[in-house]
Amino acid sequence: VRNDAQCVIIGGGAMGVGLLYHLAHEGWTDTLLIEKGELTSGSTWHAAGLVPNFIGSLNMAKVHAYGIDLYKALEAETGMSTGWHGCGAIRLAVTEDQADWYRYVQGVLGSLGVESHLISPDEVRQRVPLMGSTDDIILGFWTPNDGWSDPTGSTNAMAVGARQLGAEIARHTLVTAVDQLPDGRWKVTTDKGEVTCDHVVNAAGHYSPQLGAMSGIDVPIVSMIHQYLITESLPEMAAQDVEMPVIRDPRSSCYYRREIDSLLIGPYETRNSITYGLDGIDWNLHFHLTPPDLEQLAPWLEISAERFPIFAEAGIKQVVSGPITHTPDGGYLMGPAPGVRNYWMCAGASIGITQGPGAGKFLAQWMVHGQTEINVREMDPRRFGPWSDLDYTIAKSVDEYHEMYQVRMPGEYRSAGRPLKRTPIAERLDALGAQWQDVWGWERPRYYGEPE
C-alpha cells in the first residue's frame, strides 16, 4: 500500500467507488480506495439492482436521475457494461392517498424534465400482461426511462473510469485503525502498511459503524436483512418479447422484475423485520449471505401470488438474503462527520445502486469545491447527534424499513423511538392539547389541539 495520498476512501461498494470515480473527474486523482475484499463484496453484489426515478424529494430526485444517466453512458466511456435494462417502471397506487402522492411526485420529476405518466389500470395491464387482477389499482405511475442495472458491472465500470484517470484501488487490504494526527492529517493503518492522507472517507456500508468507532465517531446505521427470490424459468415470461417494467406494489410491499425468463420478487416486510450485526460484523466476511427464510416473507408472498398468478404455481430457484443498510430517516449519510475535520461519510443508502453515482458526484463537489450544486441538508450526517443512540437508531431504522413502499404524509412525525427527551413542562403541555414533533431528540409542541 502506498504511504501517502490526498484522500483515502474505505469501502469498495457502489457508494465508495462512485465517490472515487467522481473525485477523479473533479481533478482529485491522488486518491486511494481501500477494500478489505473484492469490490462489491459487502452488500452491493447481492442487490437487486433497481434504479428508479420515483422519489418525492427534489434534491434526491436529482441524485436518482443522475445515476440513471451515468449508467447509460458508462459503457461508452469505459468499455465496461453496466448491464443496464431500460425497461421502465410502474408504481401501483391502491389508495387515494397514494394516488395523490404520485401526482405530487410527478410535479417534482416534471420540474427536472424526467418523463412520467399516470396511467389507468387498463394500461397497467397492457404493459404487464402477466399481472393478475387490477381491480384494486387506482392508477399506475409509469416512468419509461428507468429500470435496473447489474450492481457488480455498474460498480466495476465506475472503478475502471476512476483508474483511467489515475485513481488507485487496493483490494484485499483490511483497515485496522484510523487516527487523526496532531497536524490534522489522517493515518490509516492497514494489514499491509500505513497511509497518511488529508481526507478520509467512511464508505464501509454495513461496516461503517465499526469503522467510525475506530475514530470515536458514532454512525447511525443499522443493517436489515432483506430477501428476494427468483422463480424457476416460466414459459409465460419467456414468451414475452418486451421486458416487463419493474413493478412496485404497496399492497404486497414488493418489487417485481424479470430475471432472464424468471420472476424476481423482493418483499419489504411491514412488520417483524430482522436486524443484522448489531454486536458487530466479522471483518473476514466476503460475499456473505444470511440463511433464507421464506416463512418470514409468507404474508407478502401470498399477496404476490394474487398480483402475479404465474407465481402461485412456480418453483423457486434461488433465495437471496443479506444485509442492507438503513438509517433512522431513510436518507444516506453524505458529508462531513460531526465533530472532526476532513473525515467524510458516504454510506447508509438502502438503495445504493440508485444513489451511489449521485452521492459520489455531489460529495466530490463538496470535498473539492466546498459546495455542491444541490441542497444536501437531508443527506448531511450532522442532521444526527449524540441523541441518536443505538436504541433510537434501531427503532427508527426498523420503522423506516417497514415503510419502504408506504406513503408518508407531508410533515409526518412517526412514533418509533420516541420520546427521547421531554421538558419538565411536557405534562402541562399535554393537558393543553400539544401535538408533538421530535427535533434533535427533544419532543417539541408542533401545534395544539383540543385541551384535555
Protein backbone atom coordinates (compact mmCIF):
# COMPACT_ATOMS: atom_id res chain seq x y z
CA VAL A 1 0.00 0.00 0.00
CA ARG A 2 1.31 3.47 -0.87
CA ASN A 3 2.19 5.61 2.15
CA ASP A 4 0.62 8.97 1.22
CA ALA A 5 -2.47 10.23 -0.59
CA GLN A 6 -4.66 13.28 -0.80
CA CYS A 7 -7.74 11.19 0.00
CA VAL A 8 -8.36 7.64 1.21
CA ILE A 9 -11.79 6.07 0.69
CA ILE A 10 -12.52 2.99 2.81
CA GLY A 11 -15.07 0.69 1.20
CA GLY A 12 -15.44 -0.61 -2.35
CA GLY A 13 -19.18 -0.77 -2.89
CA ALA A 14 -21.35 1.37 -5.13
CA MET A 15 -21.03 4.37 -2.79
CA GLY A 16 -17.27 4.29 -2.31
CA VAL A 17 -16.43 3.54 -5.93
CA GLY A 18 -18.95 6.16 -7.06
CA LEU A 19 -17.06 8.73 -4.99
CA LEU A 20 -13.66 7.59 -6.29
CA TYR A 21 -14.89 7.97 -9.87
CA HIS A 22 -16.27 11.46 -9.33
CA LEU A 23 -13.31 12.73 -7.32
CA ALA A 24 -11.14 11.73 -10.27
CA HIS A 25 -13.43 13.62 -12.63
CA GLU A 26 -13.19 16.66 -10.34
CA GLY A 27 -9.39 16.53 -10.58
CA TRP A 28 -8.51 14.66 -7.39
CA THR A 29 -6.56 11.74 -8.84
CA ASP A 30 -4.20 11.35 -5.87
CA THR A 31 -6.83 9.14 -4.27
CA LEU A 32 -6.73 5.61 -2.92
CA LEU A 33 -9.71 3.34 -2.30
CA ILE A 34 -9.11 0.54 0.19
CA GLU A 35 -11.35 -2.54 0.11
CA LYS A 36 -10.91 -5.47 2.51
CA GLY A 37 -12.09 -7.99 -0.10
CA GLU A 38 -13.17 -7.62 -3.70
CA LEU A 39 -15.14 -4.64 -4.97
CA THR A 40 -18.88 -5.02 -4.24
CA SER A 41 -18.29 -7.91 -1.78
CA GLY A 42 -20.31 -6.30 1.04
CA SER A 43 -23.93 -5.50 0.16
CA THR A 44 -23.59 -4.20 -3.39
CA TRP A 45 -23.10 -7.57 -5.08
CA HIS A 46 -26.36 -9.10 -3.83
CA ALA A 47 -28.61 -6.09 -4.53
CA ALA A 48 -31.48 -6.49 -6.98
CA GLY A 49 -30.13 -3.53 -8.95
CA LEU A 50 -33.29 -1.41 -9.21
CA VAL A 51 -32.74 2.19 -10.31
CA PRO A 52 -35.94 4.27 -10.00
CA ASN A 53 -36.65 7.89 -10.79
CA PHE A 54 -39.57 7.92 -8.34
CA ILE A 55 -38.91 9.94 -5.18
CA GLY A 56 -40.66 12.89 -3.57
CA SER A 57 -37.60 14.97 -2.68
CA LEU A 58 -36.42 17.40 -5.36
CA ASN A 59 -32.75 17.05 -4.45
CA MET A 60 -32.89 13.29 -4.12
CA ALA A 61 -34.68 13.18 -7.48
CA LYS A 62 -31.62 14.88 -8.94
CA VAL A 63 -29.44 12.17 -7.38
CA HIS A 64 -31.59 9.42 -8.87
CA ALA A 65 -31.82 10.98 -12.33
CA TYR A 66 -28.06 11.45 -12.47
CA GLY A 67 -27.43 7.80 -11.59
CA ILE A 68 -29.66 6.63 -14.42
CA ASP A 69 -27.91 8.91 -16.90
CA LEU A 70 -24.48 7.71 -15.79
CA TYR A 71 -25.32 4.01 -16.02
CA LYS A 72 -26.50 4.56 -19.58
CA ALA A 73 -23.28 6.38 -20.51
CA LEU A 74 -20.55 4.46 -18.65
CA GLU A 75 -20.01 1.72 -21.22
CA ALA A 76 -19.13 4.25 -23.92
CA GLU A 77 -16.61 5.87 -21.56
CA THR A 78 -15.02 2.79 -20.02
CA GLY A 79 -15.78 -0.15 -22.29
CA MET A 80 -17.39 -1.92 -19.32
CA SER A 81 -21.05 -2.90 -19.47
CA THR A 82 -23.29 -1.83 -16.59
CA GLY A 83 -25.93 -4.39 -17.55
CA TRP A 84 -28.46 -1.60 -17.96
CA HIS A 85 -32.06 -2.68 -18.61
CA GLY A 86 -34.13 0.33 -19.65
CA CYS A 87 -37.45 -1.42 -19.16
CA GLY A 88 -39.11 1.43 -17.28
CA ALA A 89 -41.07 1.04 -14.07
CA ILE A 90 -44.63 1.24 -12.79
CA ARG A 91 -45.52 2.00 -9.19
CA LEU A 92 -49.06 0.99 -8.33
CA ALA A 93 -51.45 3.16 -6.34
CA VAL A 94 -54.06 1.18 -4.42
CA THR A 95 -55.33 4.01 -2.17
CA GLU A 96 -56.35 7.58 -2.87
CA ASP A 97 -53.56 8.83 -0.59
CA GLN A 98 -51.05 7.03 -2.77
CA ALA A 99 -52.62 8.43 -5.94
CA ASP A 100 -52.42 11.96 -4.52
CA TRP A 101 -48.79 11.42 -3.56
CA TYR A 102 -47.94 10.17 -7.04
CA ARG A 103 -49.44 13.32 -8.54
CA TYR A 104 -47.16 15.36 -6.31
CA VAL A 105 -44.12 13.29 -7.30
CA GLN A 106 -45.00 13.79 -10.95
CA GLY A 107 -44.69 17.53 -10.38
CA VAL A 108 -41.29 17.10 -8.73
CA LEU A 109 -39.95 14.94 -11.56
CA GLY A 110 -41.50 17.17 -14.20
CA SER A 111 -39.54 20.15 -12.88
CA LEU A 112 -36.37 18.19 -13.72
CA GLY A 113 -37.55 17.11 -17.14
CA VAL A 114 -37.97 13.47 -16.04
CA GLU A 115 -40.72 11.82 -18.05
CA SER A 116 -43.55 10.21 -16.09
CA HIS A 117 -47.19 9.34 -16.74
CA LEU A 118 -50.18 8.50 -14.59
CA ILE A 119 -51.76 5.53 -16.33
CA SER A 120 -55.05 3.67 -15.89
CA PRO A 121 -55.39 0.11 -14.57
CA ASP A 122 -56.15 -0.99 -18.14
CA GLU A 123 -52.87 0.47 -19.38
CA VAL A 124 -51.04 -1.17 -16.49
CA ARG A 125 -52.46 -4.49 -17.67
CA GLN A 126 -51.45 -3.73 -21.27
CA ARG A 127 -47.87 -3.07 -20.23
CA VAL A 128 -47.77 -6.01 -17.81
CA PRO A 129 -49.93 -8.75 -19.36
CA LEU A 130 -48.75 -11.31 -16.80
CA MET A 131 -50.31 -9.34 -13.96
CA GLY A 132 -53.46 -10.73 -12.37
CA SER A 133 -56.44 -8.69 -11.24
CA THR A 134 -56.07 -4.92 -11.38
CA ASP A 135 -59.40 -4.21 -9.69
CA ASP A 136 -57.71 -2.74 -6.61
CA ILE A 137 -55.45 -0.43 -8.65
CA ILE A 138 -56.43 3.24 -8.88
CA LEU A 139 -53.59 4.23 -11.20
CA GLY A 140 -50.01 3.44 -12.08
CA PHE A 141 -47.02 5.79 -12.03
CA TRP A 142 -45.14 4.97 -15.25
CA THR A 143 -41.55 6.14 -15.65
CA PRO A 144 -40.35 4.88 -19.04
CA ASN A 145 -36.70 5.88 -18.71
CA ASP A 146 -35.60 3.98 -15.63
CA GLY A 147 -35.14 0.29 -14.94
CA TRP A 148 -32.34 -1.77 -13.38
CA SER A 149 -28.65 -2.45 -13.75
CA ASP A 150 -26.15 -5.13 -12.79
CA PRO A 151 -24.70 -3.93 -9.44
CA THR A 152 -21.31 -5.55 -9.93
CA GLY A 153 -20.98 -4.45 -13.54
CA SER A 154 -22.03 -0.89 -12.74
CA THR A 155 -19.59 -0.59 -9.84
CA ASN A 156 -16.72 -2.08 -11.81
CA ALA A 157 -17.43 0.28 -14.71
CA MET A 158 -17.05 3.24 -12.34
CA ALA A 159 -13.85 1.67 -10.97
CA VAL A 160 -12.40 1.39 -14.48
CA GLY A 161 -13.32 5.01 -15.17
CA ALA A 162 -11.58 6.13 -11.96
CA ARG A 163 -8.45 4.11 -12.73
CA GLN A 164 -8.29 5.52 -16.24
CA LEU A 165 -7.97 8.98 -14.67
CA GLY A 166 -5.24 7.92 -12.24
CA ALA A 167 -7.07 6.87 -9.07
CA GLU A 168 -5.87 3.73 -7.30
CA ILE A 169 -7.65 0.80 -5.66
CA ALA A 170 -6.10 -1.53 -3.06
CA ARG A 171 -8.10 -4.76 -2.75
CA HIS A 172 -7.72 -7.43 -0.05
CA THR A 173 -6.48 -4.77 2.35
CA LEU A 174 -8.04 -4.56 5.82
CA VAL A 175 -8.14 -1.26 7.68
CA THR A 176 -7.32 -1.77 11.37
CA ALA A 177 -7.12 1.83 12.66
CA VAL A 178 -7.98 5.37 11.55
CA ASP A 179 -6.35 8.11 13.64
CA GLN A 180 -6.11 11.88 13.28
CA LEU A 181 -2.57 13.19 13.63
CA PRO A 182 -1.60 16.38 15.52
CA ASP A 183 -1.25 18.27 12.22
CA GLY A 184 -4.84 17.40 11.25
CA ARG A 185 -3.98 14.78 8.66
CA TRP A 186 -5.20 11.20 8.98
CA LYS A 187 -3.25 7.98 9.41
CA VAL A 188 -4.99 4.91 8.04
CA THR A 189 -3.42 1.70 9.32
CA THR A 190 -3.96 -1.49 7.31
CA ASP A 191 -2.68 -5.04 7.41
CA LYS A 192 -0.34 -4.04 4.57
CA GLY A 193 1.05 -0.79 5.92
CA GLU A 194 0.09 2.78 6.81
CA VAL A 195 -1.23 5.57 4.60
CA THR A 196 -1.23 9.24 5.59
CA CYS A 197 -3.84 11.41 3.90
CA ASP A 198 -5.53 14.81 4.04
CA HIS A 199 -9.06 13.41 3.79
CA VAL A 200 -10.55 10.08 4.82
CA VAL A 201 -13.97 8.78 3.75
CA ASN A 202 -16.03 6.16 5.53
CA ALA A 203 -17.81 4.31 2.72
CA ALA A 204 -17.81 0.97 4.50
CA GLY A 205 -21.51 0.12 4.16
CA HIS A 206 -22.71 -2.14 6.95
CA TYR A 207 -19.22 -1.93 8.48
CA SER A 208 -19.49 1.87 8.74
CA PRO A 209 -20.38 1.93 12.47
CA GLN A 210 -17.37 -0.28 13.29
CA LEU A 211 -15.07 1.79 11.11
CA GLY A 212 -16.37 5.02 12.64
CA ALA A 213 -15.78 3.66 16.15
CA MET A 214 -12.05 3.44 15.35
CA SER A 215 -12.04 7.25 15.28
CA GLY A 216 -14.60 7.84 18.04
CA ILE A 217 -17.39 8.62 15.57
CA ASP A 218 -20.93 7.33 16.10
CA VAL A 219 -22.52 6.25 12.81
CA PRO A 220 -26.34 5.90 12.97
CA ILE A 221 -26.71 2.98 10.57
CA VAL A 222 -28.45 -0.35 11.14
CA SER A 223 -28.31 -3.31 8.75
CA MET A 224 -31.61 -5.01 7.95
CA ILE A 225 -31.99 -8.46 6.44
CA HIS A 226 -33.62 -8.11 3.03
CA GLN A 227 -34.58 -11.10 0.91
CA TYR A 228 -35.65 -11.57 -2.66
CA LEU A 229 -36.42 -14.73 -4.57
CA ILE A 230 -36.11 -15.85 -8.17
CA THR A 231 -38.54 -18.39 -9.60
CA GLU A 232 -37.75 -21.24 -11.91
CA SER A 233 -37.95 -20.35 -15.60
CA LEU A 234 -41.50 -19.51 -16.62
CA PRO A 235 -42.70 -20.24 -20.17
CA GLU A 236 -45.09 -17.29 -19.89
CA MET A 237 -42.19 -14.96 -19.12
CA ALA A 238 -40.05 -16.42 -21.89
CA ALA A 239 -42.87 -15.75 -24.35
CA GLN A 240 -42.82 -12.00 -23.60
CA ASP A 241 -40.98 -10.19 -26.40
CA VAL A 242 -40.70 -6.94 -24.43
CA GLU A 243 -39.16 -6.93 -20.96
CA MET A 244 -41.81 -6.07 -18.42
CA PRO A 245 -41.36 -2.87 -16.42
CA VAL A 246 -40.16 -3.07 -12.84
CA ILE A 247 -43.31 -3.17 -10.71
CA ARG A 248 -43.58 -1.75 -7.19
CA ASP A 249 -46.72 -2.64 -5.30
CA PRO A 250 -47.52 -1.05 -1.93
CA ARG A 251 -50.25 -3.62 -1.32
CA SER A 252 -47.81 -6.51 -1.28
CA SER A 253 -44.90 -4.25 -0.26
CA CYS A 254 -42.90 -5.97 -3.03
CA TYR A 255 -40.97 -5.15 -6.16
CA TYR A 256 -41.08 -7.39 -9.21
CA ARG A 257 -38.86 -7.60 -12.28
CA ARG A 258 -37.86 -10.03 -14.96
CA GLU A 259 -34.69 -12.05 -14.38
CA ILE A 260 -33.90 -13.79 -17.69
CA ASP A 261 -37.05 -15.96 -18.03
CA SER A 262 -37.90 -15.91 -14.32
CA LEU A 263 -39.77 -13.57 -12.00
CA LEU A 264 -37.80 -11.84 -9.25
CA ILE A 265 -39.82 -10.81 -6.17
CA GLY A 266 -38.47 -8.68 -3.33
CA PRO A 267 -40.69 -8.08 -0.28
CA TYR A 268 -40.15 -5.36 2.31
CA GLU A 269 -41.84 -6.75 5.40
CA THR A 270 -44.19 -4.25 7.02
CA ARG A 271 -43.74 -5.88 10.43
CA ASN A 272 -41.35 -8.19 12.28
CA SER A 273 -38.34 -7.37 10.12
CA ILE A 274 -34.91 -8.60 11.22
CA THR A 275 -31.82 -6.57 12.08
CA TYR A 276 -28.31 -7.85 11.46
CA GLY A 277 -24.93 -7.45 13.11
CA LEU A 278 -25.90 -5.19 16.00
CA ASP A 279 -22.95 -6.51 18.01
CA GLY A 280 -20.56 -6.10 15.10
CA ILE A 281 -19.94 -7.92 11.84
CA ASP A 282 -16.96 -10.19 11.22
CA TRP A 283 -14.39 -8.31 9.15
CA ASN A 284 -13.45 -11.54 7.38
CA LEU A 285 -16.83 -11.99 5.67
CA HIS A 286 -16.83 -11.54 1.89
CA PHE A 287 -19.77 -12.08 -0.46
CA HIS A 288 -21.69 -13.14 2.63
CA LEU A 289 -25.36 -14.11 2.62
CA THR A 290 -27.65 -15.00 5.51
CA PRO A 291 -29.80 -18.15 5.63
CA PRO A 292 -33.01 -17.69 3.62
CA ASP A 293 -36.31 -17.75 5.48
CA LEU A 294 -39.36 -17.88 3.22
CA GLU A 295 -41.68 -18.22 6.21
CA GLN A 296 -40.63 -14.70 7.16
CA LEU A 297 -41.95 -13.49 3.79
CA ALA A 298 -45.11 -15.60 3.62
CA PRO A 299 -47.75 -12.85 4.18
CA TRP A 300 -46.34 -10.72 1.38
CA LEU A 301 -45.71 -13.62 -0.99
CA GLU A 302 -49.35 -14.67 -0.64
CA ILE A 303 -50.40 -11.27 -1.98
CA SER A 304 -47.77 -11.60 -4.71
CA ALA A 305 -49.44 -14.81 -5.88
CA GLU A 306 -52.62 -12.78 -6.39
CA ARG A 307 -50.80 -9.97 -8.18
CA PHE A 308 -48.89 -12.38 -10.44
CA PRO A 309 -50.81 -15.68 -10.74
CA ILE A 310 -47.88 -17.28 -12.56
CA PHE A 311 -46.03 -17.15 -9.24
CA ALA A 312 -48.64 -19.28 -7.46
CA GLU A 313 -47.54 -22.44 -9.29
CA ALA A 314 -43.91 -21.52 -9.88
CA GLY A 315 -40.96 -23.29 -8.36
CA ILE A 316 -38.36 -21.22 -6.54
CA LYS A 317 -34.86 -21.41 -7.97
CA GLN A 318 -33.00 -19.12 -5.59
CA VAL A 319 -33.49 -17.02 -2.47
CA VAL A 320 -31.01 -14.21 -1.85
CA SER A 321 -30.88 -13.00 1.76
CA GLY A 322 -28.41 -10.43 3.01
CA PRO A 323 -27.92 -7.22 4.97
CA ILE A 324 -28.79 -3.79 3.57
CA THR A 325 -28.04 -0.56 5.44
CA HIS A 326 -30.76 1.74 6.76
CA THR A 327 -30.70 5.00 8.73
CA PRO A 328 -33.25 6.49 11.14
CA ASP A 329 -34.81 8.71 8.45
CA GLY A 330 -34.11 6.59 5.38
CA GLY A 331 -31.58 9.00 3.89
CA TYR A 332 -27.95 8.10 3.41
CA LEU A 333 -25.05 9.82 5.19
CA MET A 334 -23.08 12.02 2.80
CA GLY A 335 -20.85 14.81 4.03
CA PRO A 336 -18.64 15.76 6.99
CA ALA A 337 -18.80 13.59 10.08
CA PRO A 338 -19.78 15.68 13.11
CA GLY A 339 -17.01 16.96 15.34
CA VAL A 340 -13.93 16.12 13.26
CA ARG A 341 -12.19 17.76 10.33
CA ASN A 342 -11.75 16.13 6.94
CA TYR A 343 -13.49 12.88 7.92
CA TRP A 344 -16.34 12.31 5.49
CA MET A 345 -19.25 9.90 5.34
CA CYS A 346 -20.58 8.21 2.20
CA ALA A 347 -22.68 5.32 3.47
CA GLY A 348 -26.08 4.19 4.67
CA ALA A 349 -28.03 4.05 1.41
CA SER A 350 -30.83 1.49 1.36
CA ILE A 351 -30.97 1.78 -2.45
CA GLY A 352 -27.28 2.30 -3.05
CA ILE A 353 -27.25 1.14 -6.68
CA THR A 354 -29.56 4.05 -7.45
CA GLN A 355 -27.88 6.59 -5.21
CA GLY A 356 -24.19 5.65 -5.39
CA PRO A 357 -23.37 7.67 -8.54
CA GLY A 358 -25.21 10.80 -7.40
CA ALA A 359 -23.87 10.59 -3.86
CA GLY A 360 -20.39 10.29 -5.31
CA LYS A 361 -20.90 13.22 -7.66
CA PHE A 362 -22.21 15.65 -5.08
CA LEU A 363 -19.86 14.61 -2.28
CA ALA A 364 -16.94 15.04 -4.69
CA GLN A 365 -18.15 18.58 -5.42
CA TRP A 366 -18.40 19.27 -1.69
CA MET A 367 -14.91 17.93 -0.93
CA VAL A 368 -13.16 19.60 -3.85
CA HIS A 369 -15.02 22.92 -4.10
CA GLY A 370 -16.58 23.35 -0.66
CA GLN A 371 -20.11 23.42 -2.05
CA THR A 372 -22.47 21.42 -4.25
CA GLU A 373 -24.95 22.25 -6.97
CA ILE A 374 -27.82 20.84 -4.89
CA ASN A 375 -29.07 21.35 -1.34
CA VAL A 376 -27.59 18.44 0.64
CA ARG A 377 -29.20 19.17 4.00
CA GLU A 378 -31.22 15.94 4.03
CA MET A 379 -28.05 13.92 3.33
CA ASP A 380 -25.70 15.69 5.77
CA PRO A 381 -24.55 13.29 8.55
CA ARG A 382 -24.70 16.18 11.02
CA ARG A 383 -28.51 16.01 10.99
CA PHE A 384 -27.99 13.37 13.68
CA GLY A 385 -26.34 13.92 17.04
CA PRO A 386 -25.43 12.19 20.31
CA TRP A 387 -29.14 11.65 20.98
CA SER A 388 -29.38 9.21 18.05
CA ASP A 389 -28.03 6.32 20.11
CA LEU A 390 -28.23 2.66 19.15
CA ASP A 391 -31.71 2.07 20.58
CA TYR A 392 -33.08 5.09 18.72
CA THR A 393 -31.28 4.15 15.52
CA ILE A 394 -32.64 0.60 15.65
CA ALA A 395 -36.22 1.68 16.35
CA LYS A 396 -36.26 4.33 13.62
CA SER A 397 -34.42 2.25 11.03
CA VAL A 398 -36.72 -0.74 11.53
CA ASP A 399 -39.73 1.55 11.14
CA GLU A 400 -38.15 3.04 8.03
CA TYR A 401 -37.73 -0.44 6.54
CA HIS A 402 -41.37 -1.27 7.26
CA GLU A 403 -42.48 1.89 5.47
CA MET A 404 -40.36 1.50 2.32
CA TYR A 405 -43.38 1.27 -0.01
CA GLN A 406 -45.91 3.17 2.08
CA VAL A 407 -46.98 6.80 1.71
CA ARG A 408 -45.53 9.28 4.17
CA MET A 409 -47.79 12.20 4.90
CA PRO A 410 -46.10 15.61 4.50
CA GLY A 411 -44.65 16.62 7.84
CA GLU A 412 -45.41 13.25 9.42
CA TYR A 413 -43.54 12.52 12.64
CA ARG A 414 -43.72 8.82 13.38
CA SER A 415 -43.73 7.48 16.93
CA ALA A 416 -40.94 4.89 16.66
CA GLY A 417 -38.06 5.53 19.06
CA ARG A 418 -39.89 8.34 20.85
CA PRO A 419 -39.98 10.10 23.17
CA LEU A 420 -36.28 10.51 23.84
CA LYS A 421 -36.21 13.79 25.77
CA ARG A 422 -39.11 15.79 27.21
CA THR A 423 -39.03 19.12 29.02
CA PRO A 424 -40.27 19.47 32.62
CA ILE A 425 -43.46 21.17 31.40
CA ALA A 426 -44.37 18.42 28.92
CA GLU A 427 -47.25 17.07 31.02
CA ARG A 428 -48.74 20.55 31.29
CA LEU A 429 -48.47 20.98 27.52
CA ASP A 430 -50.10 17.57 27.05
CA ALA A 431 -53.07 18.84 29.03
CA LEU A 432 -53.27 21.85 26.71
CA GLY A 433 -53.56 19.54 23.69
CA ALA A 434 -49.96 19.62 22.45
CA GLN A 435 -49.23 17.55 19.34
CA TRP A 436 -45.57 16.66 19.36
CA GLN A 437 -42.68 16.51 16.92
CA ASP A 438 -39.11 15.40 17.64
CA VAL A 439 -36.33 17.89 16.92
CA TRP A 440 -32.77 16.85 17.73
CA GLY A 441 -34.12 14.29 20.16
CA TRP A 442 -36.35 16.74 22.01
CA GLU A 443 -40.12 16.50 21.98
CA ARG A 444 -41.41 19.89 20.89
CA PRO A 445 -45.05 21.01 20.50
CA ARG A 446 -45.90 21.41 16.86
CA TYR A 447 -49.43 22.68 17.36
CA TYR A 448 -52.22 22.44 19.90
CA GLY A 449 -55.47 20.55 19.53
CA GLU A 450 -58.32 20.33 21.97
CA PRO A 451 -57.18 20.61 25.60
CA GLU A 452 -57.96 17.77 27.98
